[in-house]
Amino acid sequence: MKRAERRQLKENELATGLSRFVRWVKKHEKKFMAIALGLVALLAIIVGVRFFLDYQRSREAGYLSQVLALKAELGQKPENLARLETLAQKRKYGRIASLALATYYLEKNELDKAEQILAGVKDRGRDLVHYQILDLYAQVLSRKGQPDRAVEIYRQMEKEKPEDYPLDVILFRLAETYEKAGQKDQAVSLYRDLQSNYQNTYYGYQAAMKVMKLETGR
């Protein structure tokens, strides 16, 4: 077969193959369009979710900075108290302002106000702020002469073993509650556990100092 004829034959085969491919594509055109649109929609959702999360994080960081600044200047700017109270009414981030307000009232020994604020937000969420609120709430109760309620809160926190809140902090607070309530045996037992199991941490060291002090005072 001559070269020109072979070339023509190959061109004919190629043209036939392309024609079949075009017909196949046209036949399945709607499926391809659906897949393409699905991929575009999926990409849009992914981009949208990432944008939303970044936006939420930036809003939360901005809100936290605002609350901390207002709390830090309360001594010089009493009007900040009203602004914190307004921020505390916000459903999504209000717990942070409530925590700051309760801390302020605890520092001023206005325990009833601190308890009232914390009682209103202590059952929201299960994150770091939630356990900070519970910790402060238990401290307020202990200061008000209600150690049994404080112990109950710390025991529940211990049982939950939150990932967002260190267990050694919880156990140390619990031991302090026992100590303030005059239950030194329970306190020493917890301090010893902390000393043994968390010896390389701040609260493990503090527990060792507590054991030394309580043992010497007996």
N, C-alpha and C. Protein backbone atom coordinates (compact mmCIF):
# COMPACT_ATOMS: atom_id res chain seq x y z
N MET A 1 0.86 -1.20 0.00
CA MET A 1 0.00 0.00 0.00
C MET A 1 0.89 1.25 0.00
N LYS A 2 0.52 2.17 -0.85
CA LYS A 2 1.34 3.36 -0.96
C LYS A 2 1.24 4.22 0.31
N ARG A 3 2.31 5.01 0.50
CA ARG A 3 2.36 5.85 1.69
C ARG A 3 1.18 6.82 1.77
N ALA A 4 0.82 7.40 0.68
CA ALA A 4 -0.29 8.37 0.66
C ALA A 4 -1.59 7.69 1.04
N GLU A 5 -1.78 6.44 0.56
CA GLU A 5 -3.01 5.73 0.88
C GLU A 5 -3.06 5.38 2.37
N ARG A 6 -1.89 4.96 2.94
CA ARG A 6 -1.85 4.65 4.37
C ARG A 6 -2.15 5.88 5.21
N ARG A 7 -1.58 7.02 4.79
CA ARG A 7 -1.83 8.26 5.51
C ARG A 7 -3.31 8.62 5.47
N GLN A 8 -3.92 8.45 4.30
CA GLN A 8 -5.33 8.77 4.16
C GLN A 8 -6.20 7.86 5.02
N LEU A 9 -5.78 6.57 5.10
CA LEU A 9 -6.51 5.61 5.91
C LEU A 9 -6.45 5.99 7.39
N LYS A 10 -5.26 6.38 7.85
CA LYS A 10 -5.10 6.80 9.25
C LYS A 10 -5.92 8.05 9.56
N GLU A 11 -5.92 8.97 8.60
CA GLU A 11 -6.70 10.19 8.80
C GLU A 11 -8.19 9.87 8.88
N ASN A 12 -8.63 8.92 8.06
CA ASN A 12 -10.02 8.52 8.06
C ASN A 12 -10.40 7.87 9.40
N GLU A 13 -9.46 7.00 9.91
CA GLU A 13 -9.71 6.34 11.19
C GLU A 13 -9.77 7.36 12.33
N LEU A 14 -8.87 8.36 12.27
CA LEU A 14 -8.84 9.40 13.29
C LEU A 14 -10.12 10.21 13.26
N ALA A 15 -10.54 10.55 12.05
CA ALA A 15 -11.77 11.33 11.90
C ALA A 15 -12.97 10.55 12.40
N THR A 16 -12.98 9.25 12.09
CA THR A 16 -14.09 8.41 12.56
C THR A 16 -14.10 8.32 14.08
N GLY A 17 -12.90 8.17 14.68
CA GLY A 17 -12.80 8.10 16.14
C GLY A 17 -13.24 9.39 16.80
N LEU A 18 -12.82 10.52 16.23
CA LEU A 18 -13.22 11.81 16.78
C LEU A 18 -14.72 12.02 16.68
N SER A 19 -15.25 11.57 15.53
CA SER A 19 -16.70 11.72 15.32
C SER A 19 -17.48 10.91 16.36
N ARG A 20 -17.01 9.70 16.62
CA ARG A 20 -17.67 8.87 17.62
C ARG A 20 -17.55 9.49 19.01
N PHE A 21 -16.36 10.05 19.31
CA PHE A 21 -16.15 10.67 20.62
C PHE A 21 -17.07 11.88 20.81
N VAL A 22 -17.20 12.68 19.73
CA VAL A 22 -18.06 13.86 19.80
C VAL A 22 -19.50 13.44 20.04
N ARG A 23 -19.95 12.39 19.30
CA ARG A 23 -21.31 11.91 19.49
C ARG A 23 -21.52 11.39 20.92
N TRP A 24 -20.49 10.71 21.49
CA TRP A 24 -20.59 10.17 22.85
C TRP A 24 -20.66 11.31 23.87
N VAL A 25 -19.85 12.34 23.63
CA VAL A 25 -19.86 13.49 24.52
C VAL A 25 -21.21 14.18 24.49
N LYS A 26 -21.76 14.36 23.29
CA LYS A 26 -23.07 15.01 23.17
C LYS A 26 -24.16 14.18 23.85
N LYS A 27 -24.03 12.86 23.73
CA LYS A 27 -25.01 11.98 24.33
C LYS A 27 -25.01 12.10 25.84
N HIS A 28 -23.80 12.29 26.44
CA HIS A 28 -23.66 12.36 27.89
C HIS A 28 -23.43 13.80 28.37
N GLU A 29 -23.78 14.75 27.53
CA GLU A 29 -23.50 16.16 27.84
C GLU A 29 -24.17 16.60 29.15
N LYS A 30 -25.41 16.17 29.36
CA LYS A 30 -26.12 16.58 30.57
C LYS A 30 -25.45 16.03 31.83
N LYS A 31 -24.94 14.79 31.74
CA LYS A 31 -24.26 14.21 32.89
C LYS A 31 -22.98 15.00 33.21
N PHE A 32 -22.23 15.34 32.14
CA PHE A 32 -21.00 16.11 32.34
C PHE A 32 -21.30 17.48 32.96
N MET A 33 -22.36 18.10 32.49
CA MET A 33 -22.74 19.41 33.02
C MET A 33 -23.13 19.30 34.50
N ALA A 34 -23.85 18.24 34.84
CA ALA A 34 -24.27 18.04 36.23
C ALA A 34 -23.06 17.84 37.14
N ILE A 35 -22.09 17.03 36.65
CA ILE A 35 -20.88 16.78 37.44
C ILE A 35 -20.09 18.07 37.61
N ALA A 36 -19.95 18.82 36.51
CA ALA A 36 -19.19 20.07 36.56
C ALA A 36 -19.84 21.07 37.51
N LEU A 37 -21.16 21.19 37.43
CA LEU A 37 -21.87 22.10 38.32
C LEU A 37 -21.75 21.65 39.77
N GLY A 38 -21.79 20.32 39.99
CA GLY A 38 -21.63 19.80 41.34
C GLY A 38 -20.27 20.14 41.92
N LEU A 39 -19.23 20.01 41.10
CA LEU A 39 -17.87 20.33 41.56
C LEU A 39 -17.74 21.81 41.87
N VAL A 40 -18.33 22.64 41.01
CA VAL A 40 -18.29 24.09 41.24
C VAL A 40 -19.01 24.44 42.54
N ALA A 41 -20.17 23.81 42.75
CA ALA A 41 -20.94 24.07 43.98
C ALA A 41 -20.17 23.62 45.21
N LEU A 42 -19.52 22.45 45.11
CA LEU A 42 -18.74 21.93 46.24
C LEU A 42 -17.59 22.87 46.56
N LEU A 43 -16.92 23.35 45.51
CA LEU A 43 -15.80 24.29 45.72
C LEU A 43 -16.31 25.57 46.38
N ALA A 44 -17.46 26.04 45.95
CA ALA A 44 -18.03 27.26 46.52
C ALA A 44 -18.36 27.06 48.00
N ILE A 45 -18.88 25.88 48.34
CA ILE A 45 -19.21 25.59 49.73
C ILE A 45 -17.95 25.57 50.59
N ILE A 46 -16.91 24.89 50.08
CA ILE A 46 -15.64 24.81 50.83
C ILE A 46 -15.07 26.19 51.07
N VAL A 47 -15.03 27.00 50.02
CA VAL A 47 -14.51 28.36 50.15
C VAL A 47 -15.36 29.17 51.13
N GLY A 48 -16.69 29.00 51.02
CA GLY A 48 -17.59 29.73 51.91
C GLY A 48 -17.41 29.36 53.36
N VAL A 49 -17.27 28.05 53.63
CA VAL A 49 -17.08 27.58 55.00
C VAL A 49 -15.78 28.12 55.58
N ARG A 50 -14.71 28.07 54.79
CA ARG A 50 -13.42 28.57 55.27
C ARG A 50 -13.49 30.07 55.56
N PHE A 51 -14.16 30.80 54.68
CA PHE A 51 -14.31 32.23 54.88
C PHE A 51 -15.11 32.52 56.15
N PHE A 52 -16.19 31.75 56.36
CA PHE A 52 -17.04 31.94 57.52
C PHE A 52 -16.28 31.65 58.81
N LEU A 53 -15.50 30.54 58.82
CA LEU A 53 -14.74 30.18 60.02
C LEU A 53 -13.69 31.23 60.33
N ASP A 54 -12.99 31.71 59.28
CA ASP A 54 -12.00 32.77 59.49
C ASP A 54 -12.66 34.03 60.03
N TYR A 55 -13.83 34.33 59.49
CA TYR A 55 -14.57 35.51 59.95
C TYR A 55 -15.00 35.37 61.40
N GLN A 56 -15.49 34.17 61.77
CA GLN A 56 -15.91 33.92 63.14
C GLN A 56 -14.74 34.01 64.10
N ARG A 57 -13.59 33.44 63.69
CA ARG A 57 -12.41 33.50 64.55
C ARG A 57 -11.96 34.94 64.75
N SER A 58 -11.99 35.73 63.69
CA SER A 58 -11.57 37.12 63.80
C SER A 58 -12.53 37.91 64.69
N ARG A 59 -13.84 37.62 64.58
CA ARG A 59 -14.82 38.29 65.42
C ARG A 59 -14.62 37.91 66.88
N GLU A 60 -14.40 36.61 67.14
CA GLU A 60 -14.21 36.16 68.51
C GLU A 60 -12.96 36.76 69.12
N ALA A 61 -11.87 36.81 68.33
CA ALA A 61 -10.62 37.38 68.83
C ALA A 61 -10.81 38.87 69.12
N GLY A 62 -11.52 39.56 68.23
CA GLY A 62 -11.78 40.98 68.45
C GLY A 62 -12.63 41.22 69.68
N TYR A 63 -13.62 40.37 69.89
CA TYR A 63 -14.51 40.48 71.05
C TYR A 63 -13.72 40.24 72.33
N LEU A 64 -12.88 39.20 72.34
CA LEU A 64 -12.08 38.88 73.51
C LEU A 64 -11.14 40.04 73.86
N SER A 65 -10.51 40.62 72.85
CA SER A 65 -9.60 41.74 73.08
C SER A 65 -10.35 42.92 73.68
N GLN A 66 -11.56 43.17 73.18
CA GLN A 66 -12.38 44.26 73.70
C GLN A 66 -12.74 44.03 75.16
N VAL A 67 -13.17 42.82 75.49
CA VAL A 67 -13.55 42.50 76.87
C VAL A 67 -12.36 42.64 77.81
N LEU A 68 -11.20 42.11 77.40
CA LEU A 68 -10.01 42.18 78.26
C LEU A 68 -9.59 43.63 78.49
N ALA A 69 -9.68 44.45 77.44
CA ALA A 69 -9.30 45.86 77.57
C ALA A 69 -10.25 46.58 78.53
N LEU A 70 -11.54 46.31 78.41
CA LEU A 70 -12.52 46.94 79.30
C LEU A 70 -12.30 46.51 80.75
N LYS A 71 -12.03 45.22 80.94
CA LYS A 71 -11.80 44.69 82.30
C LYS A 71 -10.53 45.30 82.91
N ALA A 72 -9.47 45.42 82.12
CA ALA A 72 -8.20 45.92 82.62
C ALA A 72 -8.29 47.38 83.07
N GLU A 73 -9.19 48.14 82.45
CA GLU A 73 -9.29 49.57 82.74
C GLU A 73 -10.46 49.92 83.65
N LEU A 74 -11.10 48.90 84.24
CA LEU A 74 -12.26 49.17 85.09
C LEU A 74 -11.92 50.09 86.27
N GLY A 75 -10.72 49.93 86.82
CA GLY A 75 -10.34 50.76 87.96
C GLY A 75 -10.29 52.23 87.62
N GLN A 76 -9.82 52.55 86.41
CA GLN A 76 -9.70 53.94 85.99
C GLN A 76 -10.94 54.45 85.25
N LYS A 77 -11.71 53.51 84.69
CA LYS A 77 -12.89 53.90 83.91
C LYS A 77 -14.11 53.11 84.38
N PRO A 78 -14.79 53.59 85.41
CA PRO A 78 -15.97 52.88 85.93
C PRO A 78 -17.07 52.71 84.89
N GLU A 79 -17.08 53.58 83.88
CA GLU A 79 -18.10 53.46 82.84
C GLU A 79 -17.96 52.18 82.02
N ASN A 80 -16.79 51.55 82.10
CA ASN A 80 -16.59 50.28 81.39
C ASN A 80 -17.49 49.17 81.92
N LEU A 81 -17.94 49.32 83.16
CA LEU A 81 -18.80 48.30 83.76
C LEU A 81 -20.11 48.17 82.97
N ALA A 82 -20.68 49.30 82.61
CA ALA A 82 -21.92 49.28 81.83
C ALA A 82 -21.70 48.66 80.45
N ARG A 83 -20.56 48.94 79.86
CA ARG A 83 -20.25 48.38 78.54
C ARG A 83 -20.07 46.86 78.63
N LEU A 84 -19.43 46.40 79.70
CA LEU A 84 -19.27 44.95 79.89
C LEU A 84 -20.63 44.28 80.11
N GLU A 85 -21.49 44.93 80.85
CA GLU A 85 -22.83 44.37 81.08
C GLU A 85 -23.61 44.26 79.77
N THR A 86 -23.42 45.25 78.88
CA THR A 86 -24.08 45.19 77.57
C THR A 86 -23.52 44.04 76.74
N LEU A 87 -22.21 43.89 76.76
CA LEU A 87 -21.58 42.80 76.00
C LEU A 87 -21.98 41.44 76.55
N ALA A 88 -22.22 41.37 77.84
CA ALA A 88 -22.60 40.10 78.47
C ALA A 88 -23.97 39.62 78.00
N GLN A 89 -24.78 40.52 77.45
CA GLN A 89 -26.10 40.15 76.97
C GLN A 89 -26.06 39.44 75.62
N LYS A 90 -24.94 39.53 74.93
CA LYS A 90 -24.82 38.89 73.61
C LYS A 90 -24.82 37.38 73.79
N ARG A 91 -25.65 36.72 73.04
CA ARG A 91 -25.84 35.28 73.23
C ARG A 91 -24.59 34.48 72.90
N LYS A 92 -23.93 34.81 71.79
CA LYS A 92 -22.84 33.96 71.32
C LYS A 92 -21.57 34.13 72.14
N TYR A 93 -21.17 35.39 72.38
CA TYR A 93 -19.90 35.62 73.07
C TYR A 93 -20.09 36.21 74.46
N GLY A 94 -21.33 36.32 74.93
CA GLY A 94 -21.60 36.97 76.20
C GLY A 94 -20.96 36.30 77.39
N ARG A 95 -20.67 35.00 77.29
CA ARG A 95 -20.08 34.29 78.43
C ARG A 95 -18.72 34.87 78.81
N ILE A 96 -17.97 35.33 77.81
CA ILE A 96 -16.64 35.88 78.08
C ILE A 96 -16.76 37.15 78.91
N ALA A 97 -17.71 38.04 78.53
CA ALA A 97 -17.92 39.26 79.29
C ALA A 97 -18.47 38.94 80.67
N SER A 98 -19.34 37.93 80.75
CA SER A 98 -19.89 37.52 82.05
C SER A 98 -18.78 37.02 82.97
N LEU A 99 -17.84 36.28 82.42
CA LEU A 99 -16.70 35.79 83.20
C LEU A 99 -15.86 36.96 83.72
N ALA A 100 -15.64 37.95 82.86
CA ALA A 100 -14.88 39.13 83.27
C ALA A 100 -15.60 39.90 84.37
N LEU A 101 -16.91 40.05 84.23
CA LEU A 101 -17.71 40.75 85.24
C LEU A 101 -17.68 40.02 86.58
N ALA A 102 -17.87 38.70 86.52
CA ALA A 102 -17.87 37.91 87.76
C ALA A 102 -16.51 37.98 88.45
N THR A 103 -15.44 37.96 87.67
CA THR A 103 -14.09 38.08 88.24
C THR A 103 -13.93 39.42 88.95
N TYR A 104 -14.44 40.46 88.32
CA TYR A 104 -14.37 41.81 88.90
C TYR A 104 -15.12 41.86 90.24
N TYR A 105 -16.33 41.30 90.29
CA TYR A 105 -17.11 41.33 91.53
C TYR A 105 -16.49 40.43 92.60
N LEU A 106 -15.87 39.32 92.18
CA LEU A 106 -15.19 38.47 93.15
C LEU A 106 -14.01 39.20 93.78
N GLU A 107 -13.27 39.95 92.96
CA GLU A 107 -12.14 40.73 93.46
C GLU A 107 -12.60 41.79 94.46
N LYS A 108 -13.81 42.32 94.26
CA LYS A 108 -14.36 43.32 95.16
C LYS A 108 -15.14 42.68 96.33
N ASN A 109 -15.12 41.35 96.36
CA ASN A 109 -15.81 40.57 97.40
C ASN A 109 -17.33 40.77 97.37
N GLU A 110 -17.85 41.11 96.21
CA GLU A 110 -19.30 41.19 96.03
C GLU A 110 -19.77 39.83 95.50
N LEU A 111 -19.82 38.89 96.41
CA LEU A 111 -20.00 37.49 96.04
C LEU A 111 -21.38 37.19 95.47
N ASP A 112 -22.40 37.85 95.98
CA ASP A 112 -23.76 37.60 95.48
C ASP A 112 -23.88 37.99 94.01
N LYS A 113 -23.30 39.13 93.65
CA LYS A 113 -23.34 39.57 92.25
C LYS A 113 -22.57 38.61 91.36
N ALA A 114 -21.40 38.18 91.84
CA ALA A 114 -20.59 37.24 91.06
C ALA A 114 -21.35 35.94 90.85
N GLU A 115 -21.97 35.42 91.92
CA GLU A 115 -22.72 34.17 91.80
C GLU A 115 -23.89 34.31 90.84
N GLN A 116 -24.60 35.41 90.92
CA GLN A 116 -25.76 35.63 90.05
C GLN A 116 -25.36 35.62 88.58
N ILE A 117 -24.28 36.29 88.26
CA ILE A 117 -23.82 36.35 86.87
C ILE A 117 -23.41 34.97 86.38
N LEU A 118 -22.64 34.26 87.19
CA LEU A 118 -22.14 32.94 86.78
C LEU A 118 -23.25 31.91 86.69
N ALA A 119 -24.23 32.02 87.57
CA ALA A 119 -25.34 31.06 87.55
C ALA A 119 -26.11 31.15 86.24
N GLY A 120 -26.12 32.33 85.64
CA GLY A 120 -26.86 32.51 84.40
C GLY A 120 -26.18 31.95 83.17
N VAL A 121 -24.87 31.67 83.27
CA VAL A 121 -24.15 31.20 82.07
C VAL A 121 -23.41 29.88 82.30
N LYS A 122 -23.50 29.31 83.50
CA LYS A 122 -22.68 28.14 83.83
C LYS A 122 -23.07 26.87 83.09
N ASP A 123 -24.26 26.84 82.51
CA ASP A 123 -24.70 25.62 81.82
C ASP A 123 -24.65 25.74 80.30
N ARG A 124 -23.95 26.73 79.81
CA ARG A 124 -23.85 26.92 78.36
C ARG A 124 -22.52 26.38 77.83
N GLY A 125 -22.59 25.57 76.79
CA GLY A 125 -21.37 25.10 76.13
C GLY A 125 -20.63 24.05 76.91
N ARG A 126 -19.57 23.53 76.29
CA ARG A 126 -18.69 22.56 76.94
C ARG A 126 -17.26 22.82 76.47
N ASP A 127 -16.86 24.09 76.50
CA ASP A 127 -15.54 24.47 76.02
C ASP A 127 -14.72 25.06 77.16
N LEU A 128 -13.59 25.68 76.81
CA LEU A 128 -12.70 26.25 77.82
C LEU A 128 -13.41 27.28 78.67
N VAL A 129 -14.18 28.17 78.04
CA VAL A 129 -14.87 29.22 78.79
C VAL A 129 -15.86 28.60 79.78
N HIS A 130 -16.54 27.54 79.36
CA HIS A 130 -17.49 26.86 80.25
C HIS A 130 -16.82 26.39 81.54
N TYR A 131 -15.66 25.76 81.40
CA TYR A 131 -14.98 25.22 82.58
C TYR A 131 -14.32 26.33 83.41
N GLN A 132 -13.94 27.42 82.77
CA GLN A 132 -13.45 28.57 83.53
C GLN A 132 -14.58 29.14 84.39
N ILE A 133 -15.77 29.20 83.81
CA ILE A 133 -16.93 29.70 84.53
C ILE A 133 -17.26 28.79 85.72
N LEU A 134 -17.25 27.46 85.49
CA LEU A 134 -17.52 26.53 86.58
C LEU A 134 -16.49 26.65 87.69
N ASP A 135 -15.23 26.79 87.32
CA ASP A 135 -14.16 26.94 88.30
C ASP A 135 -14.39 28.18 89.16
N LEU A 136 -14.67 29.29 88.50
CA LEU A 136 -14.89 30.54 89.24
C LEU A 136 -16.16 30.45 90.09
N TYR A 137 -17.17 29.79 89.55
CA TYR A 137 -18.43 29.61 90.29
C TYR A 137 -18.19 28.82 91.58
N ALA A 138 -17.40 27.77 91.49
CA ALA A 138 -17.08 26.97 92.67
C ALA A 138 -16.27 27.78 93.68
N GLN A 139 -15.35 28.62 93.19
CA GLN A 139 -14.57 29.48 94.09
C GLN A 139 -15.48 30.45 94.84
N VAL A 140 -16.46 31.00 94.13
CA VAL A 140 -17.41 31.92 94.76
C VAL A 140 -18.21 31.20 95.86
N LEU A 141 -18.69 30.01 95.53
CA LEU A 141 -19.46 29.24 96.51
C LEU A 141 -18.61 28.90 97.74
N SER A 142 -17.36 28.56 97.52
CA SER A 142 -16.46 28.24 98.63
C SER A 142 -16.27 29.47 99.52
N ARG A 143 -16.09 30.63 98.88
CA ARG A 143 -15.92 31.87 99.64
C ARG A 143 -17.19 32.24 100.40
N LYS A 144 -18.34 31.82 99.89
CA LYS A 144 -19.61 32.12 100.55
C LYS A 144 -19.95 31.11 101.65
N GLY A 145 -19.02 30.19 101.93
CA GLY A 145 -19.26 29.22 102.98
C GLY A 145 -20.11 28.04 102.54
N GLN A 146 -20.04 27.71 101.25
CA GLN A 146 -20.79 26.57 100.72
C GLN A 146 -19.82 25.58 100.05
N PRO A 147 -18.89 25.02 100.84
CA PRO A 147 -17.88 24.14 100.27
C PRO A 147 -18.46 22.87 99.64
N ASP A 148 -19.55 22.36 100.19
CA ASP A 148 -20.14 21.13 99.65
C ASP A 148 -20.57 21.32 98.19
N ARG A 149 -21.18 22.46 97.90
CA ARG A 149 -21.58 22.74 96.52
C ARG A 149 -20.37 22.91 95.61
N ALA A 150 -19.32 23.55 96.15
CA ALA A 150 -18.09 23.73 95.37
C ALA A 150 -17.44 22.38 95.08
N VAL A 151 -17.38 21.52 96.08
CA VAL A 151 -16.81 20.17 95.89
C VAL A 151 -17.60 19.41 94.84
N GLU A 152 -18.91 19.52 94.88
CA GLU A 152 -19.76 18.83 93.90
C GLU A 152 -19.42 19.26 92.47
N ILE A 153 -19.18 20.56 92.29
CA ILE A 153 -18.85 21.08 90.96
C ILE A 153 -17.50 20.54 90.51
N TYR A 154 -16.52 20.60 91.39
CA TYR A 154 -15.17 20.12 91.01
C TYR A 154 -15.16 18.61 90.76
N ARG A 155 -15.93 17.86 91.53
CA ARG A 155 -16.00 16.42 91.31
C ARG A 155 -16.64 16.11 89.96
N GLN A 156 -17.64 16.90 89.58
CA GLN A 156 -18.27 16.70 88.28
C GLN A 156 -17.29 17.05 87.16
N MET A 157 -16.53 18.11 87.34
CA MET A 157 -15.52 18.49 86.35
C MET A 157 -14.46 17.38 86.23
N GLU A 158 -14.05 16.85 87.37
CA GLU A 158 -13.07 15.75 87.37
C GLU A 158 -13.62 14.54 86.62
N LYS A 159 -14.89 14.24 86.83
CA LYS A 159 -15.52 13.10 86.17
C LYS A 159 -15.58 13.29 84.66
N GLU A 160 -15.83 14.51 84.22
CA GLU A 160 -15.94 14.79 82.78
C GLU A 160 -14.58 14.77 82.09
N LYS A 161 -13.50 15.02 82.85
CA LYS A 161 -12.14 15.05 82.29
C LYS A 161 -12.09 15.88 80.99
N PRO A 162 -12.38 17.16 81.09
CA PRO A 162 -12.42 18.00 79.88
C PRO A 162 -11.07 18.12 79.21
N GLU A 163 -11.07 18.05 77.88
CA GLU A 163 -9.83 18.21 77.13
C GLU A 163 -9.36 19.66 77.17
N ASP A 164 -10.30 20.60 77.33
CA ASP A 164 -9.98 22.02 77.26
C ASP A 164 -9.52 22.61 78.59
N TYR A 165 -9.58 21.82 79.67
CA TYR A 165 -9.23 22.36 80.97
C TYR A 165 -8.37 21.34 81.72
N PRO A 166 -7.14 21.72 82.12
CA PRO A 166 -6.21 20.76 82.73
C PRO A 166 -6.77 20.13 84.01
N LEU A 167 -6.61 18.84 84.13
CA LEU A 167 -7.13 18.13 85.28
C LEU A 167 -6.41 18.52 86.56
N ASP A 168 -5.11 18.84 86.46
CA ASP A 168 -4.38 19.22 87.68
C ASP A 168 -4.91 20.53 88.28
N VAL A 169 -5.41 21.42 87.42
CA VAL A 169 -6.02 22.66 87.93
C VAL A 169 -7.28 22.32 88.74
N ILE A 170 -8.10 21.45 88.17
CA ILE A 170 -9.35 21.05 88.84
C ILE A 170 -9.06 20.42 90.19
N LEU A 171 -8.11 19.48 90.22
CA LEU A 171 -7.79 18.77 91.46
C LEU A 171 -7.18 19.69 92.50
N PHE A 172 -6.37 20.64 92.05
CA PHE A 172 -5.78 21.59 93.00
C PHE A 172 -6.86 22.47 93.62
N ARG A 173 -7.78 22.95 92.79
CA ARG A 173 -8.89 23.76 93.30
C ARG A 173 -9.74 22.95 94.29
N LEU A 174 -9.95 21.70 93.97
CA LEU A 174 -10.72 20.83 94.85
C LEU A 174 -10.01 20.66 96.19
N ALA A 175 -8.71 20.44 96.14
CA ALA A 175 -7.94 20.29 97.38
C ALA A 175 -7.98 21.58 98.21
N GLU A 176 -7.90 22.72 97.53
CA GLU A 176 -7.99 24.00 98.24
C GLU A 176 -9.35 24.16 98.92
N THR A 177 -10.39 23.70 98.25
CA THR A 177 -11.74 23.79 98.82
C THR A 177 -11.83 22.97 100.10
N TYR A 178 -11.29 21.74 100.05
CA TYR A 178 -11.25 20.91 101.26
C TYR A 178 -10.44 21.59 102.36
N GLU A 179 -9.32 22.17 101.98
CA GLU A 179 -8.46 22.81 102.97
C GLU A 179 -9.17 23.97 103.65
N LYS A 180 -9.82 24.82 102.86
CA LYS A 180 -10.52 25.98 103.42
C LYS A 180 -11.70 25.56 104.29
N ALA A 181 -12.26 24.39 103.98
CA ALA A 181 -13.40 23.88 104.76
C ALA A 181 -12.94 23.16 106.03
N GLY A 182 -11.61 23.08 106.23
CA GLY A 182 -11.08 22.44 107.43
C GLY A 182 -10.94 20.93 107.31
N GLN A 183 -11.16 20.40 106.09
CA GLN A 183 -11.05 18.95 105.88
C GLN A 183 -9.62 18.64 105.38
N LYS A 184 -8.69 18.72 106.31
CA LYS A 184 -7.27 18.65 105.94
C LYS A 184 -6.85 17.28 105.42
N ASP A 185 -7.43 16.22 105.94
CA ASP A 185 -7.04 14.89 105.48
C ASP A 185 -7.35 14.72 103.98
N GLN A 186 -8.56 15.13 103.57
CA GLN A 186 -8.92 15.05 102.15
C GLN A 186 -8.01 15.95 101.31
N ALA A 187 -7.72 17.14 101.86
CA ALA A 187 -6.86 18.07 101.14
C ALA A 187 -5.46 17.50 100.94
N VAL A 188 -4.88 16.98 102.02
CA VAL A 188 -3.53 16.43 101.94
C VAL A 188 -3.47 15.26 100.97
N SER A 189 -4.50 14.42 100.99
CA SER A 189 -4.55 13.27 100.09
C SER A 189 -4.52 13.72 98.63
N LEU A 190 -5.30 14.74 98.30
CA LEU A 190 -5.31 15.25 96.93
C LEU A 190 -4.00 15.94 96.57
N TYR A 191 -3.47 16.70 97.50
CA TYR A 191 -2.19 17.37 97.25
C TYR A 191 -1.09 16.33 97.00
N ARG A 192 -1.11 15.23 97.74
CA ARG A 192 -0.10 14.19 97.54
C ARG A 192 -0.25 13.54 96.15
N ASP A 193 -1.47 13.32 95.74
CA ASP A 193 -1.70 12.76 94.40
C ASP A 193 -1.17 13.70 93.32
N LEU A 194 -1.42 14.99 93.51
CA LEU A 194 -0.91 15.97 92.55
C LEU A 194 0.62 16.00 92.57
N GLN A 195 1.18 15.93 93.75
CA GLN A 195 2.63 15.93 93.89
C GLN A 195 3.27 14.75 93.16
N SER A 196 2.61 13.60 93.21
CA SER A 196 3.14 12.39 92.57
C SER A 196 2.87 12.34 91.06
N ASN A 197 1.64 12.71 90.68
CA ASN A 197 1.23 12.53 89.29
C ASN A 197 1.50 13.73 88.39
N TYR A 198 1.74 14.88 88.99
CA TYR A 198 1.98 16.10 88.20
C TYR A 198 3.20 16.84 88.73
N GLN A 199 4.24 16.06 89.04
CA GLN A 199 5.40 16.64 89.71
C GLN A 199 6.16 17.66 88.86
N ASN A 200 6.00 17.61 87.54
CA ASN A 200 6.72 18.55 86.68
C ASN A 200 5.85 19.72 86.23
N THR A 201 4.73 19.92 86.90
CA THR A 201 3.84 21.03 86.54
C THR A 201 3.82 22.06 87.67
N TYR A 202 3.26 23.22 87.36
CA TYR A 202 3.15 24.29 88.36
C TYR A 202 2.32 23.83 89.55
N TYR A 203 1.16 23.21 89.26
CA TYR A 203 0.28 22.80 90.36
C TYR A 203 0.83 21.60 91.11
N GLY A 204 1.63 20.78 90.46
CA GLY A 204 2.31 19.71 91.17
C GLY A 204 3.29 20.26 92.19
N TYR A 205 4.02 21.32 91.78
CA TYR A 205 4.96 21.97 92.70
C TYR A 205 4.22 22.66 93.85
N GLN A 206 3.14 23.37 93.50
CA GLN A 206 2.36 24.05 94.54
C GLN A 206 1.75 23.05 95.53
N ALA A 207 1.34 21.89 95.01
CA ALA A 207 0.78 20.85 95.88
C ALA A 207 1.84 20.34 96.85
N ALA A 208 3.07 20.20 96.38
CA ALA A 208 4.16 19.76 97.26
C ALA A 208 4.39 20.77 98.38
N MET A 209 4.31 22.06 98.05
CA MET A 209 4.46 23.11 99.07
C MET A 209 3.31 23.04 100.08
N LYS A 210 2.12 22.76 99.57
CA LYS A 210 0.95 22.66 100.45
C LYS A 210 1.09 21.48 101.42
N VAL A 211 1.56 20.36 100.91
CA VAL A 211 1.74 19.18 101.76
C VAL A 211 2.73 19.48 102.87
N MET A 212 3.82 20.13 102.51
CA MET A 212 4.85 20.49 103.49
C MET A 212 4.27 21.41 104.57
N LYS A 213 3.48 22.39 104.14
CA LYS A 213 2.90 23.34 105.07
C LYS A 213 1.90 22.69 106.01
N LEU A 214 1.01 21.87 105.42
CA LEU A 214 -0.03 21.22 106.23
C LEU A 214 0.56 20.16 107.17
N GLU A 215 1.56 19.45 106.70
CA GLU A 215 2.19 18.42 107.54
C GLU A 215 2.93 19.07 108.71
N THR A 216 3.55 20.21 108.42
CA THR A 216 4.30 20.92 109.49
C THR A 216 3.34 21.50 110.52
N GLY A 217 2.15 21.92 110.04
CA GLY A 217 1.20 22.59 110.94
C GLY A 217 0.41 21.63 111.79
N ARG A 218 0.58 20.33 111.58
CA ARG A 218 -0.19 19.37 112.39
C ARG A 218 0.41 19.19 113.79
